[in-house]
Amino acid sequence: MSKAVFYCSFKLKKEASVPDFLLAAEKLNNEYISKQEGYISWKQLRDDETWVDIITFETMETVKKFESDSGNAGELAKQFYSYINCNSCKVNYYSIERSYGKS
């Protein structure tokens, strides 16, 4: 089975502090996301105002379970999402068909 990716692009709220947002993301990762079944890694990308979260899991089943269970993150998720303009979020799931280079 191929690995799978949770992909979400978004913009931060105008008044959001980038350092505070990154701290909230780190805390959410360390205390919740990294403990989810099948978790491999989380990369955060940025191009000017657009951000992208790429969270890799062992299977499509585990990435979809992560998404359906994400409400269980409670205050950690609430803090993380407080920085995000939720109307700008676009979510997709991808299977990793092939990977090149060093992972």
N, C-alpha and C. Protein backbone atom coordinates (compact mmCIF):
# COMPACT_ATOMS: atom_id res chain seq x y z
N MET A 1 0.83 -1.19 0.00
CA MET A 1 0.00 0.00 0.00
C MET A 1 0.87 1.26 0.00
N SER A 2 0.45 2.26 -0.74
CA SER A 2 1.25 3.48 -0.81
C SER A 2 0.90 4.43 0.33
N LYS A 3 1.88 5.22 0.68
CA LYS A 3 1.67 6.23 1.72
C LYS A 3 0.68 7.27 1.21
N ALA A 4 0.13 8.06 2.13
CA ALA A 4 -0.88 9.05 1.75
C ALA A 4 -0.58 10.38 2.43
N VAL A 5 -1.10 11.45 1.82
CA VAL A 5 -0.85 12.81 2.29
C VAL A 5 -2.16 13.54 2.51
N PHE A 6 -2.23 14.24 3.65
CA PHE A 6 -3.28 15.22 3.91
C PHE A 6 -2.69 16.55 3.48
N TYR A 7 -3.33 17.21 2.52
CA TYR A 7 -2.83 18.46 1.96
C TYR A 7 -3.86 19.55 2.23
N CYS A 8 -3.43 20.63 2.86
CA CYS A 8 -4.33 21.74 3.14
C CYS A 8 -3.61 23.06 2.86
N SER A 9 -4.18 23.85 1.94
CA SER A 9 -3.65 25.19 1.70
C SER A 9 -4.57 26.19 2.40
N PHE A 10 -3.98 27.28 2.87
CA PHE A 10 -4.75 28.27 3.63
C PHE A 10 -3.98 29.57 3.75
N LYS A 11 -4.66 30.58 4.27
CA LYS A 11 -4.04 31.86 4.60
C LYS A 11 -4.28 32.13 6.07
N LEU A 12 -3.34 32.82 6.67
CA LEU A 12 -3.51 33.23 8.05
C LEU A 12 -4.41 34.45 8.11
N LYS A 13 -5.02 34.67 9.26
CA LYS A 13 -5.78 35.90 9.47
C LYS A 13 -4.81 37.07 9.40
N LYS A 14 -5.29 38.22 8.98
CA LYS A 14 -4.44 39.41 8.79
C LYS A 14 -3.63 39.75 10.05
N GLU A 15 -4.26 39.65 11.22
CA GLU A 15 -3.61 40.04 12.47
C GLU A 15 -2.77 38.92 13.11
N ALA A 16 -2.70 37.78 12.46
CA ALA A 16 -2.01 36.63 13.04
C ALA A 16 -0.50 36.84 13.12
N SER A 17 0.07 36.43 14.23
CA SER A 17 1.52 36.45 14.42
C SER A 17 2.09 35.12 13.90
N VAL A 18 3.00 35.20 12.92
CA VAL A 18 3.59 33.99 12.35
C VAL A 18 4.35 33.20 13.42
N PRO A 19 5.21 33.82 14.24
CA PRO A 19 5.90 33.04 15.27
C PRO A 19 4.93 32.34 16.24
N ASP A 20 3.85 33.01 16.62
CA ASP A 20 2.86 32.39 17.52
C ASP A 20 2.13 31.25 16.82
N PHE A 21 1.81 31.44 15.54
CA PHE A 21 1.16 30.37 14.76
C PHE A 21 2.06 29.14 14.69
N LEU A 22 3.34 29.36 14.42
CA LEU A 22 4.27 28.23 14.31
C LEU A 22 4.44 27.51 15.65
N LEU A 23 4.40 28.24 16.74
CA LEU A 23 4.44 27.61 18.07
C LEU A 23 3.19 26.77 18.31
N ALA A 24 2.03 27.29 17.92
CA ALA A 24 0.79 26.54 18.07
C ALA A 24 0.82 25.27 17.22
N ALA A 25 1.38 25.36 16.01
CA ALA A 25 1.49 24.19 15.13
C ALA A 25 2.43 23.16 15.73
N GLU A 26 3.56 23.62 16.28
CA GLU A 26 4.52 22.70 16.89
C GLU A 26 3.90 21.97 18.08
N LYS A 27 3.17 22.71 18.89
CA LYS A 27 2.52 22.10 20.05
C LYS A 27 1.47 21.08 19.61
N LEU A 28 0.66 21.44 18.61
CA LEU A 28 -0.35 20.52 18.09
C LEU A 28 0.32 19.26 17.54
N ASN A 29 1.41 19.44 16.82
CA ASN A 29 2.13 18.28 16.28
C ASN A 29 2.70 17.41 17.40
N ASN A 30 3.40 18.02 18.32
CA ASN A 30 4.09 17.25 19.36
C ASN A 30 3.15 16.56 20.33
N GLU A 31 2.02 17.19 20.62
CA GLU A 31 1.12 16.65 21.64
C GLU A 31 -0.07 15.88 21.08
N TYR A 32 -0.34 15.99 19.76
CA TYR A 32 -1.49 15.27 19.23
C TYR A 32 -1.20 14.58 17.89
N ILE A 33 -0.88 15.35 16.85
CA ILE A 33 -0.79 14.77 15.50
C ILE A 33 0.26 13.67 15.42
N SER A 34 1.44 13.90 15.97
CA SER A 34 2.52 12.91 15.87
C SER A 34 2.20 11.61 16.59
N LYS A 35 1.17 11.62 17.42
CA LYS A 35 0.77 10.42 18.17
C LYS A 35 -0.34 9.63 17.47
N GLN A 36 -0.78 10.13 16.31
CA GLN A 36 -1.86 9.45 15.59
C GLN A 36 -1.34 8.24 14.82
N GLU A 37 -2.18 7.23 14.70
CA GLU A 37 -1.82 6.01 14.00
C GLU A 37 -1.37 6.33 12.58
N GLY A 38 -0.23 5.78 12.19
CA GLY A 38 0.27 5.90 10.83
C GLY A 38 1.01 7.20 10.51
N TYR A 39 1.11 8.12 11.48
CA TYR A 39 1.78 9.40 11.24
C TYR A 39 3.24 9.20 10.85
N ILE A 40 3.67 9.96 9.84
CA ILE A 40 5.07 9.94 9.42
C ILE A 40 5.71 11.31 9.61
N SER A 41 5.10 12.35 9.03
CA SER A 41 5.71 13.68 9.12
C SER A 41 4.69 14.77 8.80
N TRP A 42 5.06 16.00 9.17
CA TRP A 42 4.25 17.18 8.84
C TRP A 42 5.22 18.25 8.34
N LYS A 43 4.97 18.72 7.14
CA LYS A 43 5.75 19.82 6.56
C LYS A 43 4.83 21.01 6.40
N GLN A 44 5.33 22.20 6.74
CA GLN A 44 4.59 23.43 6.53
C GLN A 44 5.35 24.26 5.51
N LEU A 45 4.67 24.62 4.43
CA LEU A 45 5.26 25.39 3.35
C LEU A 45 4.60 26.77 3.30
N ARG A 46 5.35 27.72 2.76
CA ARG A 46 4.79 29.08 2.68
C ARG A 46 5.28 29.76 1.41
N ASP A 47 4.35 30.43 0.73
CA ASP A 47 4.66 31.27 -0.41
C ASP A 47 3.91 32.57 -0.21
N ASP A 48 4.59 33.57 0.31
CA ASP A 48 3.99 34.86 0.63
C ASP A 48 2.85 34.66 1.63
N GLU A 49 1.60 34.83 1.22
CA GLU A 49 0.48 34.72 2.15
C GLU A 49 -0.15 33.32 2.18
N THR A 50 0.21 32.47 1.24
CA THR A 50 -0.37 31.12 1.18
C THR A 50 0.51 30.12 1.90
N TRP A 51 -0.12 29.37 2.78
CA TRP A 51 0.54 28.31 3.53
C TRP A 51 0.01 26.97 3.04
N VAL A 52 0.83 25.93 3.20
CA VAL A 52 0.41 24.57 2.88
C VAL A 52 0.90 23.64 3.97
N ASP A 53 -0.02 22.83 4.48
CA ASP A 53 0.34 21.74 5.40
C ASP A 53 0.33 20.46 4.60
N ILE A 54 1.41 19.70 4.71
CA ILE A 54 1.50 18.39 4.08
C ILE A 54 1.82 17.40 5.20
N ILE A 55 0.81 16.62 5.56
CA ILE A 55 0.98 15.65 6.64
C ILE A 55 0.94 14.26 6.02
N THR A 56 2.02 13.52 6.18
CA THR A 56 2.15 12.21 5.55
C THR A 56 1.83 11.11 6.55
N PHE A 57 1.06 10.14 6.08
CA PHE A 57 0.66 8.97 6.87
C PHE A 57 1.01 7.69 6.11
N GLU A 58 1.01 6.58 6.82
CA GLU A 58 1.35 5.28 6.23
C GLU A 58 0.38 4.85 5.14
N THR A 59 -0.93 5.14 5.31
CA THR A 59 -1.94 4.68 4.35
C THR A 59 -3.03 5.73 4.19
N MET A 60 -3.82 5.59 3.14
CA MET A 60 -4.97 6.47 2.95
C MET A 60 -5.98 6.26 4.08
N GLU A 61 -6.10 5.05 4.54
CA GLU A 61 -7.01 4.76 5.66
C GLU A 61 -6.61 5.55 6.91
N THR A 62 -5.31 5.60 7.24
CA THR A 62 -4.89 6.32 8.44
C THR A 62 -4.99 7.83 8.27
N VAL A 63 -4.79 8.35 7.06
CA VAL A 63 -4.93 9.80 6.86
C VAL A 63 -6.40 10.20 7.00
N LYS A 64 -7.30 9.38 6.49
CA LYS A 64 -8.73 9.71 6.61
C LYS A 64 -9.22 9.54 8.04
N LYS A 65 -8.66 8.58 8.76
CA LYS A 65 -9.00 8.42 10.18
C LYS A 65 -8.51 9.64 10.96
N PHE A 66 -7.32 10.12 10.64
CA PHE A 66 -6.79 11.34 11.26
C PHE A 66 -7.77 12.50 11.05
N GLU A 67 -8.23 12.68 9.83
CA GLU A 67 -9.15 13.78 9.53
C GLU A 67 -10.46 13.63 10.29
N SER A 68 -11.01 12.44 10.32
CA SER A 68 -12.29 12.25 11.01
C SER A 68 -12.15 12.39 12.52
N ASP A 69 -10.98 12.09 13.06
CA ASP A 69 -10.75 12.18 14.51
C ASP A 69 -10.16 13.52 14.94
N SER A 70 -9.93 14.44 14.00
CA SER A 70 -9.20 15.67 14.32
C SER A 70 -9.89 16.54 15.37
N GLY A 71 -11.19 16.39 15.53
CA GLY A 71 -11.89 17.13 16.57
C GLY A 71 -11.46 16.75 17.97
N ASN A 72 -10.81 15.60 18.11
CA ASN A 72 -10.34 15.14 19.41
C ASN A 72 -9.14 15.91 19.93
N ALA A 73 -8.57 16.78 19.10
CA ALA A 73 -7.39 17.55 19.52
C ALA A 73 -7.76 18.70 20.46
N GLY A 74 -9.04 18.98 20.61
CA GLY A 74 -9.53 19.95 21.58
C GLY A 74 -8.87 21.32 21.52
N GLU A 75 -8.36 21.77 22.67
CA GLU A 75 -7.76 23.10 22.80
C GLU A 75 -6.55 23.30 21.90
N LEU A 76 -5.79 22.23 21.66
CA LEU A 76 -4.62 22.34 20.77
C LEU A 76 -5.05 22.75 19.37
N ALA A 77 -6.09 22.10 18.86
CA ALA A 77 -6.60 22.44 17.52
C ALA A 77 -7.24 23.82 17.52
N LYS A 78 -7.99 24.12 18.58
CA LYS A 78 -8.64 25.43 18.67
C LYS A 78 -7.60 26.54 18.61
N GLN A 79 -6.51 26.39 19.32
CA GLN A 79 -5.44 27.39 19.31
C GLN A 79 -4.82 27.51 17.92
N PHE A 80 -4.51 26.38 17.31
CA PHE A 80 -3.92 26.36 15.96
C PHE A 80 -4.83 27.06 14.96
N TYR A 81 -6.11 26.68 14.94
CA TYR A 81 -7.04 27.25 13.96
C TYR A 81 -7.41 28.70 14.25
N SER A 82 -7.11 29.19 15.44
CA SER A 82 -7.42 30.59 15.75
C SER A 82 -6.59 31.56 14.90
N TYR A 83 -5.51 31.09 14.31
CA TYR A 83 -4.64 31.92 13.47
C TYR A 83 -5.02 31.86 11.98
N ILE A 84 -5.86 30.90 11.62
CA ILE A 84 -6.14 30.60 10.21
C ILE A 84 -7.46 31.21 9.74
N ASN A 85 -7.43 31.77 8.55
CA ASN A 85 -8.65 32.20 7.89
C ASN A 85 -9.28 30.92 7.32
N CYS A 86 -10.23 30.36 8.05
CA CYS A 86 -10.79 29.05 7.69
C CYS A 86 -11.53 29.08 6.35
N ASN A 87 -12.01 30.24 5.91
CA ASN A 87 -12.66 30.34 4.60
C ASN A 87 -11.68 30.13 3.46
N SER A 88 -10.39 30.23 3.73
CA SER A 88 -9.38 30.07 2.69
C SER A 88 -8.87 28.63 2.58
N CYS A 89 -9.30 27.74 3.47
CA CYS A 89 -8.79 26.36 3.50
C CYS A 89 -9.26 25.54 2.31
N LYS A 90 -8.34 24.81 1.72
CA LYS A 90 -8.64 23.86 0.66
C LYS A 90 -7.93 22.56 1.02
N VAL A 91 -8.71 21.50 1.21
CA VAL A 91 -8.17 20.22 1.66
C VAL A 91 -8.28 19.18 0.56
N ASN A 92 -7.22 18.39 0.41
CA ASN A 92 -7.19 17.25 -0.51
C ASN A 92 -6.43 16.11 0.14
N TYR A 93 -6.65 14.92 -0.38
CA TYR A 93 -5.90 13.73 0.03
C TYR A 93 -5.23 13.17 -1.21
N TYR A 94 -3.98 12.76 -1.05
CA TYR A 94 -3.24 12.21 -2.17
C TYR A 94 -2.54 10.93 -1.76
N SER A 95 -2.51 9.96 -2.67
CA SER A 95 -1.66 8.78 -2.50
C SER A 95 -0.30 9.11 -3.08
N ILE A 96 0.73 8.71 -2.40
CA ILE A 96 2.08 8.92 -2.92
C ILE A 96 2.38 7.75 -3.84
N GLU A 97 2.44 8.02 -5.12
CA GLU A 97 2.66 6.98 -6.12
C GLU A 97 4.13 6.67 -6.29
N ARG A 98 4.96 7.71 -6.21
CA ARG A 98 6.39 7.52 -6.36
C ARG A 98 7.08 8.68 -5.70
N SER A 99 8.26 8.44 -5.14
CA SER A 99 9.03 9.47 -4.49
C SER A 99 10.47 9.38 -4.97
N TYR A 100 11.08 10.53 -5.21
CA TYR A 100 12.47 10.58 -5.68
C TYR A 100 13.32 11.31 -4.64
N GLY A 101 14.57 11.02 -4.62
CA GLY A 101 15.48 11.73 -3.73
C GLY A 101 15.47 11.21 -2.32
N LYS A 102 16.07 11.97 -1.44
CA LYS A 102 16.16 11.61 -0.03
C LYS A 102 14.89 12.03 0.69
N SER A 103 14.36 11.18 1.51
CA SER A 103 13.10 11.49 2.21
C SER A 103 13.35 12.04 3.57
